[in-house]
Amino acid sequence: MNEVEKDQLVNQGDQNSNDILGGIAFDEKDQMIESVAEAILNRILDDERIKALKPSNDSIRDSRRYGDRRKIEKSTNKSILLEDLVPVNNKALAASIKQHKWAKEYLIIIETLYEELNVESKDFPFGLTRFPKHVDPLSMAIDILGILKLLRRIEVFMLALLYQPTPAFIFFGTSGERVKEETPLQLKERMTRLGLEFLFLWGEKRLIKVLDSEYLTRNIKILVDFFKELEPQVGEKTTFTLQRDLDLGALFDLDNLLMKLKLFAESGRYKKNLPSRIQYRVREGDVEPATVILKPSSIDMMKSWERRSLQLSEAKSYFKKYEHQSILLYRSQIHLNSQLGRVTAEQFQKIFSVFNKKAKKPKGLNGYLDFLYFWKEDFETHDLILDLVSVFKAETLIQQTVNDDEQLYKSRNIRKELENYLQNILADTPEIFEGQDVFIKFKPTPVLQNKSYELAPEFLIEAGDKTKWKFFEQKILPYFIFLEFFNIDYSDEIRNRFKRGQTS
């Protein structure tokens, strides 16, 4: 074959690859190339590795169109709406991403955090104002369990988009004419799990845009900002909706949106929509306004998570020394208040330091072993809160007493003893507060507040109880450690808000 013929073949190949927008008359050689291309494409689509990218038929739900329930029949050539493809759940996508050990850890811990924040934080997950004035919450049928599931699906989707990405649909460009002639049902088979899940999230776009709590991960905030910035300008129409027919144009639009989101998710940079009055002033050759949303990159996010993971590993190793003895965990949230001014973080830390040192002494707080805590804040009063889990020897929970020369035993009241001990420390150290009249508020708190656990402030782990020890390591410790993963604007600059006891 001479060079001219080679060039002709290359040019013809380019034409075939770009032929998605219109037909071109094929000569005999082109027909031969087309046949080979179709054979290759069919072989690829039959490959088990490609089939693994496609969702199972069980994950496609029926939907309503024109008021009637419509089912996607295999033999039909009728049009299919994008909303007909929305999956009921994302179990297959979640299972695939959980194959990565770090992703599995992330999803378990994030779910625990969201469940706890839902109980504790007024700011979760819609912000202090709950809903913008123009949004009617009743019309959105808010159900908190549904919200928690939505948050989890967003997390799974964003992890898959960042670290296990696929296009929204499989199109290799070998035969534009062939794809153009495919039925909606055949086009449906080209969809990937990621593409289908994006359709689900698009359907929840209105609700996602009003998520506005600081206690949301970067993944959630990225999607919220992305959907907000896709809002059309005044006078413009929304071009992508789930009411569109499933065709090649809709799939390309979906894929384009997915690629834009991936870029934003990786870099944390997304050009914001500019008001029309500003857009009209921008002329060719002008410097484009640097109007972007800036968030930490996905690499920064992973580094932050790795630091917390290392901290969790170190905490597990530290508390292992108690695994083969019976211990009691007691959780309380402690406030220090003054009428003359706010108690500072430095003052509060000094008080706890004095408490911990005295309580551990032989004649200190009987049975007191250790602690873990997280410095929180009341965002209405801006007062600092010590969320404290104290560790006691379970064998000291029965106390010996003497009554009329008769030895008796009774159960100790750990709550009362702990509160009184803190009160005494407060009374004995007035110099820390420079004459301020400071009083303590002691609030016993379930060791985890998710109501499904039905837990109390006391959590007994008896020697050899592997189930409770696992719960301690996989639920309680991660909750306190990973709270620092959220980017919260606190009043006090505290370098490490989580702390545990230190090895002597």
Protein backbone atom coordinates (compact mmCIF):
# COMPACT_ATOMS: atom_id res chain seq x y z
CA MET A 1 0.00 0.00 0.00
CA ASN A 2 1.45 3.37 -1.00
CA GLU A 3 1.46 6.48 1.20
CA VAL A 4 -1.50 8.06 -0.61
CA GLU A 5 -3.69 5.03 0.08
CA LYS A 6 -2.59 5.05 3.74
CA ASP A 7 -3.53 8.72 4.06
CA GLN A 8 -6.90 8.01 2.48
CA LEU A 9 -7.59 5.24 5.00
CA VAL A 10 -6.59 7.49 7.92
CA ASN A 11 -8.79 10.31 6.66
CA GLN A 12 -11.68 7.92 6.12
CA GLY A 13 -11.24 6.54 9.66
CA ASP A 14 -11.40 10.07 11.03
CA GLN A 15 -14.60 10.65 9.09
CA ASN A 16 -16.21 7.51 10.49
CA SER A 17 -15.23 8.47 14.04
CA ASN A 18 -16.70 11.94 13.68
CA ASP A 19 -19.79 10.87 11.76
CA ILE A 20 -22.09 11.11 14.75
CA LEU A 21 -23.80 14.29 13.53
CA GLY A 22 -24.64 13.31 9.98
CA GLY A 23 -24.53 10.61 7.32
CA ILE A 24 -21.78 10.14 4.73
CA ALA A 25 -22.03 8.01 1.57
CA PHE A 26 -19.80 4.95 1.94
CA ASP A 27 -17.92 3.35 -0.96
CA GLU A 28 -17.06 -0.36 -1.03
CA LYS A 29 -13.88 0.07 1.05
CA ASP A 30 -15.79 2.12 3.61
CA GLN A 31 -18.44 -0.57 3.87
CA MET A 32 -15.75 -3.13 4.59
CA ILE A 33 -14.26 -0.91 7.33
CA GLU A 34 -17.73 -0.33 8.74
CA SER A 35 -18.39 -4.09 8.94
CA VAL A 36 -15.13 -4.69 10.77
CA ALA A 37 -15.86 -1.81 13.16
CA GLU A 38 -19.31 -3.19 13.95
CA ALA A 39 -17.87 -6.63 14.61
CA ILE A 40 -15.32 -5.14 17.02
CA LEU A 41 -17.96 -3.07 18.79
CA ASN A 42 -20.24 -6.08 19.20
CA ARG A 43 -17.33 -8.09 20.60
CA ILE A 44 -16.57 -5.31 23.08
CA LEU A 45 -20.18 -4.99 24.21
CA ASP A 46 -20.36 -8.77 24.76
CA ASP A 47 -17.22 -8.68 26.90
CA GLU A 48 -17.94 -9.49 30.56
CA ARG A 49 -15.81 -6.55 31.70
CA ILE A 50 -18.07 -4.13 29.83
CA LYS A 51 -21.21 -5.89 31.07
CA ALA A 52 -19.97 -5.32 34.61
CA LEU A 53 -20.26 -1.58 34.00
CA LYS A 54 -23.92 -1.89 33.10
CA PRO A 55 -26.66 -1.94 35.74
CA SER A 56 -28.84 -4.96 36.26
CA ASN A 57 -32.43 -4.77 35.09
CA ASP A 58 -33.50 -5.04 38.74
CA SER A 59 -32.08 -1.59 39.43
CA ILE A 60 -34.33 0.16 36.88
CA ARG A 61 -37.64 1.32 38.24
CA ASP A 62 -40.90 1.82 36.48
CA SER A 63 -42.09 5.42 36.34
CA ARG A 64 -45.22 7.35 35.46
CA ARG A 65 -45.76 9.03 32.12
CA TYR A 66 -48.93 10.88 31.20
CA GLY A 67 -50.50 9.62 34.45
CA ASP A 68 -50.13 5.89 33.68
CA ARG A 69 -47.54 3.37 34.88
CA ARG A 70 -45.35 2.44 31.92
CA LYS A 71 -43.07 -0.58 31.78
CA ILE A 72 -39.99 -0.91 29.61
CA GLU A 73 -40.61 -3.96 27.46
CA LYS A 74 -37.71 -5.68 25.73
CA SER A 75 -39.46 -5.93 22.40
CA THR A 76 -40.68 -2.35 22.15
CA ASN A 77 -39.28 0.43 20.01
CA LYS A 78 -41.23 3.11 21.86
CA SER A 79 -39.54 6.16 23.29
CA ILE A 80 -38.12 5.98 26.81
CA LEU A 81 -37.83 8.98 29.10
CA LEU A 82 -34.65 9.55 31.08
CA GLU A 83 -36.76 9.44 34.26
CA ASP A 84 -37.70 5.86 33.35
CA LEU A 85 -34.08 4.86 33.96
CA VAL A 86 -33.67 6.27 37.47
CA PRO A 87 -32.48 3.42 39.74
CA VAL A 88 -34.33 2.62 42.97
CA ASN A 89 -31.06 2.15 44.84
CA ASN A 90 -27.34 2.19 44.23
CA LYS A 91 -26.41 -1.09 45.89
CA ALA A 92 -24.36 -2.27 42.91
CA LEU A 93 -22.42 1.00 42.75
CA ALA A 94 -21.88 0.98 46.52
CA ALA A 95 -20.68 -2.63 46.43
CA SER A 96 -18.15 -1.85 43.73
CA ILE A 97 -16.69 1.16 45.54
CA LYS A 98 -16.53 -0.78 48.83
CA GLN A 99 -13.97 -3.08 47.25
CA HIS A 100 -11.49 -0.33 48.16
CA LYS A 101 -10.67 -0.65 51.88
CA TRP A 102 -10.37 3.10 52.48
CA ALA A 103 -13.70 3.78 50.68
CA LYS A 104 -15.46 1.17 52.81
CA GLU A 105 -14.07 2.80 55.96
CA TYR A 106 -15.11 6.23 54.71
CA LEU A 107 -18.71 5.22 54.04
CA ILE A 108 -19.14 3.45 57.39
CA ILE A 109 -17.73 6.37 59.37
CA ILE A 110 -19.58 9.07 57.41
CA GLU A 111 -22.86 7.23 57.95
CA THR A 112 -22.21 7.14 61.72
CA LEU A 113 -21.36 10.86 61.74
CA TYR A 114 -24.48 11.84 59.81
CA GLU A 115 -26.72 9.73 62.07
CA GLU A 116 -25.28 11.41 65.16
CA LEU A 117 -25.32 14.93 63.72
CA ASN A 118 -28.95 14.47 62.79
CA VAL A 119 -29.73 14.08 66.51
CA GLU A 120 -27.34 16.65 67.95
CA SER A 121 -27.01 19.52 65.50
CA LYS A 122 -29.77 22.00 64.71
CA ASP A 123 -27.64 22.99 61.73
CA PHE A 124 -27.94 19.59 60.07
CA PRO A 125 -28.41 19.24 57.18
CA PHE A 126 -30.19 22.40 55.99
CA GLY A 127 -28.35 25.12 57.93
CA LEU A 128 -29.60 27.35 60.71
CA THR A 129 -32.27 28.92 58.51
CA ARG A 130 -33.55 25.48 57.50
CA PHE A 131 -34.99 26.49 54.11
CA PRO A 132 -34.76 29.57 51.91
CA LYS A 133 -37.93 31.68 51.98
CA HIS A 134 -38.89 30.71 48.45
CA VAL A 135 -38.83 26.98 49.27
CA ASP A 136 -41.88 25.31 50.78
CA PRO A 137 -40.61 22.37 52.89
CA LEU A 138 -44.06 20.78 53.01
CA SER A 139 -44.12 20.47 49.24
CA MET A 140 -40.82 18.57 49.38
CA ALA A 141 -42.16 15.85 51.69
CA ILE A 142 -39.05 15.94 53.86
CA ASP A 143 -38.36 12.69 55.64
CA ILE A 144 -35.13 12.59 57.61
CA LEU A 145 -34.46 8.92 56.94
CA GLY A 146 -34.81 9.67 53.26
CA ILE A 147 -32.40 12.60 53.66
CA LEU A 148 -29.79 10.37 55.32
CA LYS A 149 -30.13 7.85 52.48
CA LEU A 150 -29.76 10.67 49.96
CA LEU A 151 -26.57 11.89 51.65
CA ARG A 152 -25.17 8.37 51.57
CA ARG A 153 -26.00 7.98 47.86
CA ILE A 154 -24.26 11.26 47.09
CA GLU A 155 -21.17 10.09 48.99
CA VAL A 156 -21.09 6.78 47.07
CA PHE A 157 -21.60 8.54 43.75
CA MET A 158 -18.88 11.12 44.38
CA LEU A 159 -16.37 8.48 45.50
CA ALA A 160 -17.08 6.46 42.36
CA LEU A 161 -16.77 9.59 40.19
CA LEU A 162 -13.42 10.48 41.73
CA TYR A 163 -11.77 7.11 42.11
CA GLN A 164 -13.65 4.58 39.96
CA PRO A 165 -14.98 6.70 37.09
CA THR A 166 -16.75 5.60 33.93
CA PRO A 167 -18.50 7.69 31.27
CA ALA A 168 -22.25 8.10 31.64
CA PHE A 169 -22.65 5.77 28.66
CA ILE A 170 -20.40 3.58 26.54
CA PHE A 171 -19.75 4.95 23.05
CA PHE A 172 -16.54 4.12 21.22
CA GLY A 173 -17.05 6.29 18.14
CA THR A 174 -16.34 3.50 15.68
CA SER A 175 -19.70 3.73 13.99
CA GLY A 176 -21.73 6.88 14.32
CA GLU A 177 -24.39 5.68 11.93
CA ARG A 178 -24.92 2.45 13.84
CA VAL A 179 -25.48 4.24 17.15
CA LYS A 180 -27.86 6.73 15.58
CA GLU A 181 -30.07 3.87 14.43
CA GLU A 182 -30.22 2.13 17.80
CA THR A 183 -33.56 1.92 19.59
CA PRO A 184 -34.05 3.56 23.00
CA LEU A 185 -33.85 0.11 24.54
CA GLN A 186 -30.46 -0.50 22.91
CA LEU A 187 -29.24 2.92 24.04
CA LYS A 188 -30.33 2.06 27.57
CA GLU A 189 -27.93 -0.88 27.52
CA ARG A 190 -25.06 1.54 26.94
CA MET A 191 -25.71 3.34 30.26
CA THR A 192 -23.31 2.81 33.16
CA ARG A 193 -24.11 2.65 36.86
CA LEU A 194 -22.51 6.04 37.33
CA GLY A 195 -24.61 7.59 34.58
CA LEU A 196 -27.82 6.14 35.98
CA GLU A 197 -27.02 7.33 39.51
CA PHE A 198 -26.41 10.82 38.15
CA LEU A 199 -29.96 10.72 36.76
CA PHE A 200 -31.25 9.91 40.25
CA LEU A 201 -29.32 12.83 41.78
CA TRP A 202 -30.53 15.14 39.01
CA GLY A 203 -34.08 14.22 40.00
CA GLU A 204 -33.25 15.23 43.60
CA LYS A 205 -31.56 18.47 42.48
CA ARG A 206 -34.09 20.80 44.10
CA LEU A 207 -33.63 19.20 47.52
CA ILE A 208 -29.84 18.88 47.19
CA LYS A 209 -29.48 22.62 46.49
CA VAL A 210 -30.91 23.53 49.91
CA LEU A 211 -28.40 21.39 51.85
CA ASP A 212 -26.46 24.05 53.70
CA SER A 213 -24.87 22.75 56.89
CA GLU A 214 -21.22 23.11 57.85
CA TYR A 215 -21.48 19.49 58.93
CA LEU A 216 -21.42 18.23 55.36
CA THR A 217 -18.42 16.73 53.64
CA ARG A 218 -16.61 18.25 50.72
CA ASN A 219 -18.28 15.65 48.46
CA ILE A 220 -21.76 16.90 49.36
CA LYS A 221 -20.80 20.58 49.13
CA ILE A 222 -19.26 20.07 45.69
CA LEU A 223 -22.50 18.63 44.31
CA VAL A 224 -24.61 21.34 45.99
CA ASP A 225 -22.50 24.10 44.43
CA PHE A 226 -22.46 22.36 41.05
CA PHE A 227 -26.24 22.15 40.90
CA LYS A 228 -26.63 25.74 42.06
CA GLU A 229 -24.30 27.02 39.35
CA LEU A 230 -26.16 25.09 36.66
CA GLU A 231 -29.24 27.21 37.24
CA PRO A 232 -30.15 29.01 34.00
CA GLN A 233 -29.86 32.78 33.76
CA VAL A 234 -33.02 34.90 33.75
CA GLY A 235 -34.87 34.30 30.50
CA GLU A 236 -33.01 31.08 29.73
CA LYS A 237 -34.64 27.66 29.65
CA THR A 238 -33.41 24.51 31.33
CA THR A 239 -31.93 22.35 28.59
CA PHE A 240 -31.47 19.08 30.47
CA THR A 241 -34.43 17.48 32.23
CA LEU A 242 -35.46 13.94 33.07
CA GLN A 243 -38.53 14.42 30.86
CA ARG A 244 -36.34 14.25 27.76
CA ASP A 245 -36.55 11.20 25.53
CA LEU A 246 -33.64 8.80 25.74
CA ASP A 247 -31.67 9.49 22.58
CA LEU A 248 -28.07 10.08 21.62
CA GLY A 249 -28.30 13.83 22.18
CA ALA A 250 -29.58 13.35 25.73
CA LEU A 251 -26.78 10.87 26.47
CA PHE A 252 -24.10 13.24 25.19
CA ASP A 253 -25.56 16.08 27.30
CA LEU A 254 -25.58 13.81 30.35
CA ASP A 255 -22.00 12.76 29.74
CA ASN A 256 -20.91 16.37 29.31
CA LEU A 257 -22.44 17.30 32.68
CA LEU A 258 -20.75 14.32 34.32
CA MET A 259 -17.33 15.35 32.95
CA LYS A 260 -17.78 18.93 34.21
CA LEU A 261 -18.69 17.63 37.65
CA LYS A 262 -15.66 15.32 37.70
CA LEU A 263 -13.33 18.23 36.91
CA PHE A 264 -14.91 20.31 39.67
CA ALA A 265 -14.75 17.39 42.12
CA GLU A 266 -11.04 16.87 41.47
CA SER A 267 -9.86 20.47 41.43
CA GLY A 268 -12.38 22.26 43.66
CA ARG A 269 -12.64 25.00 41.03
CA TYR A 270 -15.80 25.80 39.09
CA LYS A 271 -16.58 28.95 37.15
CA LYS A 272 -19.71 30.52 38.56
CA ASN A 273 -22.60 31.76 36.45
CA LEU A 274 -22.21 35.48 35.99
CA PRO A 275 -25.23 37.80 35.94
CA SER A 276 -26.38 38.62 32.43
CA ARG A 277 -25.50 42.30 32.83
CA ILE A 278 -21.87 41.32 33.44
CA GLN A 279 -21.76 38.69 30.73
CA TYR A 280 -22.80 41.18 28.09
CA ARG A 281 -19.80 43.40 28.91
CA VAL A 282 -17.28 40.64 28.25
CA ARG A 283 -15.98 41.01 24.70
CA GLU A 284 -13.67 38.91 22.63
CA GLY A 285 -10.11 39.40 23.79
CA ASP A 286 -11.14 40.71 27.22
CA VAL A 287 -9.78 39.05 30.33
CA GLU A 288 -12.43 36.71 31.66
CA PRO A 289 -13.54 37.57 35.22
CA ALA A 290 -11.90 35.22 37.73
CA THR A 291 -15.19 34.19 39.33
CA VAL A 292 -14.80 30.64 40.63
CA ILE A 293 -15.84 28.47 43.53
CA LEU A 294 -12.75 27.34 45.40
CA LYS A 295 -12.67 24.22 47.57
CA PRO A 296 -9.82 22.01 48.72
CA SER A 297 -8.79 19.59 45.99
CA SER A 298 -9.68 15.91 46.24
CA ILE A 299 -6.01 15.26 47.05
CA ASP A 300 -6.21 17.62 50.04
CA MET A 301 -9.39 15.87 51.16
CA MET A 302 -7.69 12.47 51.00
CA LYS A 303 -4.70 13.74 53.00
CA SER A 304 -7.05 15.04 55.69
CA TRP A 305 -8.87 11.70 55.81
CA GLU A 306 -5.57 9.81 56.02
CA ARG A 307 -4.54 11.92 59.04
CA ARG A 308 -7.79 11.05 60.79
CA SER A 309 -7.40 7.37 59.84
CA LEU A 310 -3.93 7.32 61.37
CA GLN A 311 -5.33 8.99 64.49
CA LEU A 312 -8.04 6.32 64.70
CA SER A 313 -5.47 3.55 64.35
CA GLU A 314 -3.35 5.07 67.12
CA ALA A 315 -6.39 5.45 69.40
CA LYS A 316 -7.38 1.81 68.88
CA SER A 317 -3.85 0.73 69.79
CA TYR A 318 -3.86 2.97 72.87
CA PHE A 319 -7.15 1.61 74.27
CA LYS A 320 -6.22 -2.04 73.56
CA LYS A 321 -4.75 -2.22 77.07
CA TYR A 322 -8.33 -2.22 78.44
CA GLU A 323 -9.67 -4.89 76.08
CA HIS A 324 -9.22 -7.76 78.52
CA GLN A 325 -10.70 -6.08 81.57
CA SER A 326 -14.20 -4.82 82.33
CA ILE A 327 -14.60 -1.06 81.89
CA LEU A 328 -17.40 1.49 81.99
CA LEU A 329 -17.58 4.38 79.52
CA TYR A 330 -19.50 7.41 80.78
CA ARG A 331 -20.29 10.28 78.42
CA SER A 332 -21.22 13.81 79.47
CA GLN A 333 -21.22 17.22 77.82
CA ILE A 334 -19.82 19.89 80.12
CA HIS A 335 -20.41 23.64 79.83
CA LEU A 336 -18.65 26.35 81.85
CA ASN A 337 -20.51 29.66 81.92
CA SER A 338 -19.81 33.07 83.38
CA GLN A 339 -22.03 36.15 83.60
CA LEU A 340 -18.99 38.40 83.16
CA GLY A 341 -17.77 36.98 79.88
CA ARG A 342 -17.12 33.91 77.83
CA VAL A 343 -14.90 31.19 79.33
CA THR A 344 -11.91 30.87 77.03
CA ALA A 345 -10.54 27.64 75.58
CA GLU A 346 -7.31 28.12 77.55
CA GLN A 347 -9.21 28.39 80.86
CA PHE A 348 -11.39 25.38 80.08
CA GLN A 349 -8.38 23.28 79.09
CA LYS A 350 -6.59 24.17 82.34
CA ILE A 351 -9.60 23.07 84.40
CA PHE A 352 -9.76 19.71 82.63
CA SER A 353 -6.02 19.20 83.01
CA VAL A 354 -6.31 19.72 86.77
CA PHE A 355 -9.30 17.34 86.91
CA ASN A 356 -7.53 14.59 84.97
CA LYS A 357 -4.33 14.73 87.06
CA LYS A 358 -6.16 14.69 90.42
CA ALA A 359 -8.72 12.06 89.37
CA LYS A 360 -5.98 9.59 88.38
CA LYS A 361 -4.19 9.77 91.74
CA PRO A 362 -4.58 6.85 94.19
CA LYS A 363 -6.85 8.97 96.38
CA GLY A 364 -8.51 10.67 93.46
CA LEU A 365 -11.75 9.68 91.74
CA ASN A 366 -12.15 6.01 92.58
CA GLY A 367 -11.77 3.76 89.53
CA TYR A 368 -11.05 6.61 87.07
CA LEU A 369 -8.73 5.29 84.36
CA ASP A 370 -8.76 7.42 81.26
CA PHE A 371 -10.68 9.68 78.89
CA LEU A 372 -11.38 10.74 75.33
CA TYR A 373 -13.03 14.00 74.36
CA PHE A 374 -13.89 16.46 71.62
CA TRP A 375 -14.09 20.22 72.04
CA LYS A 376 -17.43 21.39 70.62
CA GLU A 377 -19.26 24.70 70.54
CA ASP A 378 -22.78 25.93 71.18
CA PHE A 379 -23.21 27.90 67.95
CA GLU A 380 -25.99 30.04 69.43
CA THR A 381 -24.12 31.22 72.55
CA HIS A 382 -20.61 30.44 71.23
CA ASP A 383 -19.78 28.77 74.55
CA LEU A 384 -17.22 25.98 74.48
CA ILE A 385 -18.41 22.43 75.29
CA LEU A 386 -16.28 19.55 76.53
CA ASP A 387 -17.84 16.37 75.13
CA LEU A 388 -16.17 13.91 77.50
CA VAL A 389 -16.11 10.12 77.68
CA SER A 390 -14.59 8.99 81.00
CA VAL A 391 -13.27 5.45 81.44
CA PHE A 392 -13.75 3.67 84.80
CA LYS A 393 -12.78 0.27 86.16
CA ALA A 394 -16.02 -1.71 86.23
CA GLU A 395 -14.90 -3.55 89.37
CA THR A 396 -15.12 -0.28 91.34
CA LEU A 397 -18.80 0.27 90.54
CA ILE A 398 -19.75 -1.55 93.74
CA GLN A 399 -18.79 0.57 96.75
CA GLN A 400 -18.22 -0.70 100.28
CA THR A 401 -19.78 1.30 103.12
CA VAL A 402 -19.91 0.95 106.89
CA ASN A 403 -23.16 1.45 108.78
CA ASP A 404 -23.30 0.86 112.56
CA ASP A 405 -20.16 -1.30 112.37
CA GLU A 406 -21.81 -3.37 109.64
CA GLN A 407 -20.19 -3.64 106.22
CA LEU A 408 -22.57 -2.93 103.35
CA TYR A 409 -22.27 -2.60 99.59
CA LYS A 410 -24.07 -0.34 97.19
CA SER A 411 -23.84 0.70 93.52
CA ARG A 412 -22.03 3.93 92.90
CA ASN A 413 -23.69 6.89 91.21
CA ILE A 414 -21.01 7.73 88.66
CA ARG A 415 -22.93 10.70 87.31
CA LYS A 416 -23.23 12.37 90.71
CA GLU A 417 -19.64 11.60 91.69
CA LEU A 418 -18.21 12.91 88.43
CA GLU A 419 -20.26 16.12 88.57
CA ASN A 420 -19.34 16.74 92.23
CA TYR A 421 -15.66 16.12 91.52
CA LEU A 422 -15.70 18.70 88.73
CA GLN A 423 -17.53 21.17 90.97
CA ASN A 424 -14.83 20.75 93.64
CA ILE A 425 -12.05 21.30 91.09
CA LEU A 426 -13.82 24.46 89.94
CA ALA A 427 -14.08 25.75 93.53
CA ASP A 428 -10.43 24.94 94.29
CA THR A 429 -8.98 26.80 91.28
CA PRO A 430 -10.47 30.34 91.27
CA GLU A 431 -7.16 31.77 90.01
CA ILE A 432 -7.76 30.20 86.57
CA PHE A 433 -10.79 32.49 86.02
CA GLU A 434 -9.30 35.66 87.56
CA GLY A 435 -12.20 36.29 89.92
CA GLN A 436 -15.02 35.45 87.49
CA ASP A 437 -18.02 33.67 88.95
CA VAL A 438 -18.06 30.50 86.85
CA PHE A 439 -20.65 27.76 87.13
CA ILE A 440 -20.82 24.32 85.55
CA LYS A 441 -23.56 22.68 83.51
CA PHE A 442 -23.28 18.90 83.42
CA LYS A 443 -25.32 17.06 80.79
CA PRO A 444 -25.27 13.23 80.68
CA THR A 445 -25.38 12.17 77.02
CA PRO A 446 -25.98 8.75 75.42
CA VAL A 447 -22.63 7.33 74.40
CA LEU A 448 -24.03 7.47 70.84
CA GLN A 449 -27.27 9.37 70.29
CA ASN A 450 -28.72 7.59 67.28
CA LYS A 451 -32.08 6.37 68.67
CA SER A 452 -31.81 3.02 66.89
CA TYR A 453 -28.99 2.07 69.29
CA GLU A 454 -31.09 2.82 72.41
CA LEU A 455 -27.96 3.60 74.43
CA ALA A 456 -27.51 5.34 77.79
CA PRO A 457 -24.64 7.59 78.97
CA GLU A 458 -23.19 4.48 80.67
CA PHE A 459 -21.70 1.88 78.35
CA LEU A 460 -20.34 -1.23 80.05
CA ILE A 461 -17.82 -3.38 78.17
CA GLU A 462 -17.18 -6.57 80.12
CA ALA A 463 -13.97 -8.52 79.65
CA GLY A 464 -14.15 -10.71 76.54
CA ASP A 465 -17.23 -8.97 75.07
CA LYS A 466 -16.01 -8.76 71.48
CA THR A 467 -19.28 -7.30 70.17
CA LYS A 468 -19.21 -4.26 72.44
CA TRP A 469 -15.47 -3.77 71.98
CA LYS A 470 -15.98 -3.78 68.22
CA PHE A 471 -18.76 -1.20 68.62
CA PHE A 472 -16.38 0.97 70.65
CA GLU A 473 -13.67 0.75 67.98
CA GLN A 474 -15.90 1.06 64.91
CA LYS A 475 -18.55 3.53 66.09
CA ILE A 476 -17.67 5.47 69.23
CA LEU A 477 -13.99 6.21 68.56
CA PRO A 478 -14.52 7.16 64.88
CA TYR A 479 -17.34 9.54 65.79
CA PHE A 480 -15.15 11.57 68.13
CA ILE A 481 -12.06 11.44 65.90
CA PHE A 482 -13.61 12.21 62.52
CA LEU A 483 -15.68 15.18 63.70
CA GLU A 484 -12.53 17.15 62.98
CA PHE A 485 -12.77 16.13 59.31
CA PHE A 486 -15.56 18.68 58.79
CA ASN A 487 -14.53 22.20 57.92
CA ILE A 488 -16.29 24.03 60.79
CA ASP A 489 -15.85 27.71 61.60
CA TYR A 490 -15.27 27.60 65.38
CA SER A 491 -14.74 30.61 67.64
CA ASP A 492 -11.68 29.11 69.37
CA GLU A 493 -8.46 28.16 67.65
CA ILE A 494 -7.84 24.68 69.04
CA ARG A 495 -5.21 22.74 67.16
CA ASN A 496 -6.47 19.26 68.07
CA ARG A 497 -10.10 19.13 69.13
CA PHE A 498 -10.04 15.38 69.66
CA LYS A 499 -7.84 14.08 72.45
CA ARG A 500 -7.40 10.84 74.36
CA GLY A 501 -5.31 9.90 77.38
CA GLN A 502 -1.58 9.63 76.95
CA THR A 503 0.66 6.69 77.72
CA SER A 504 2.70 7.39 80.86
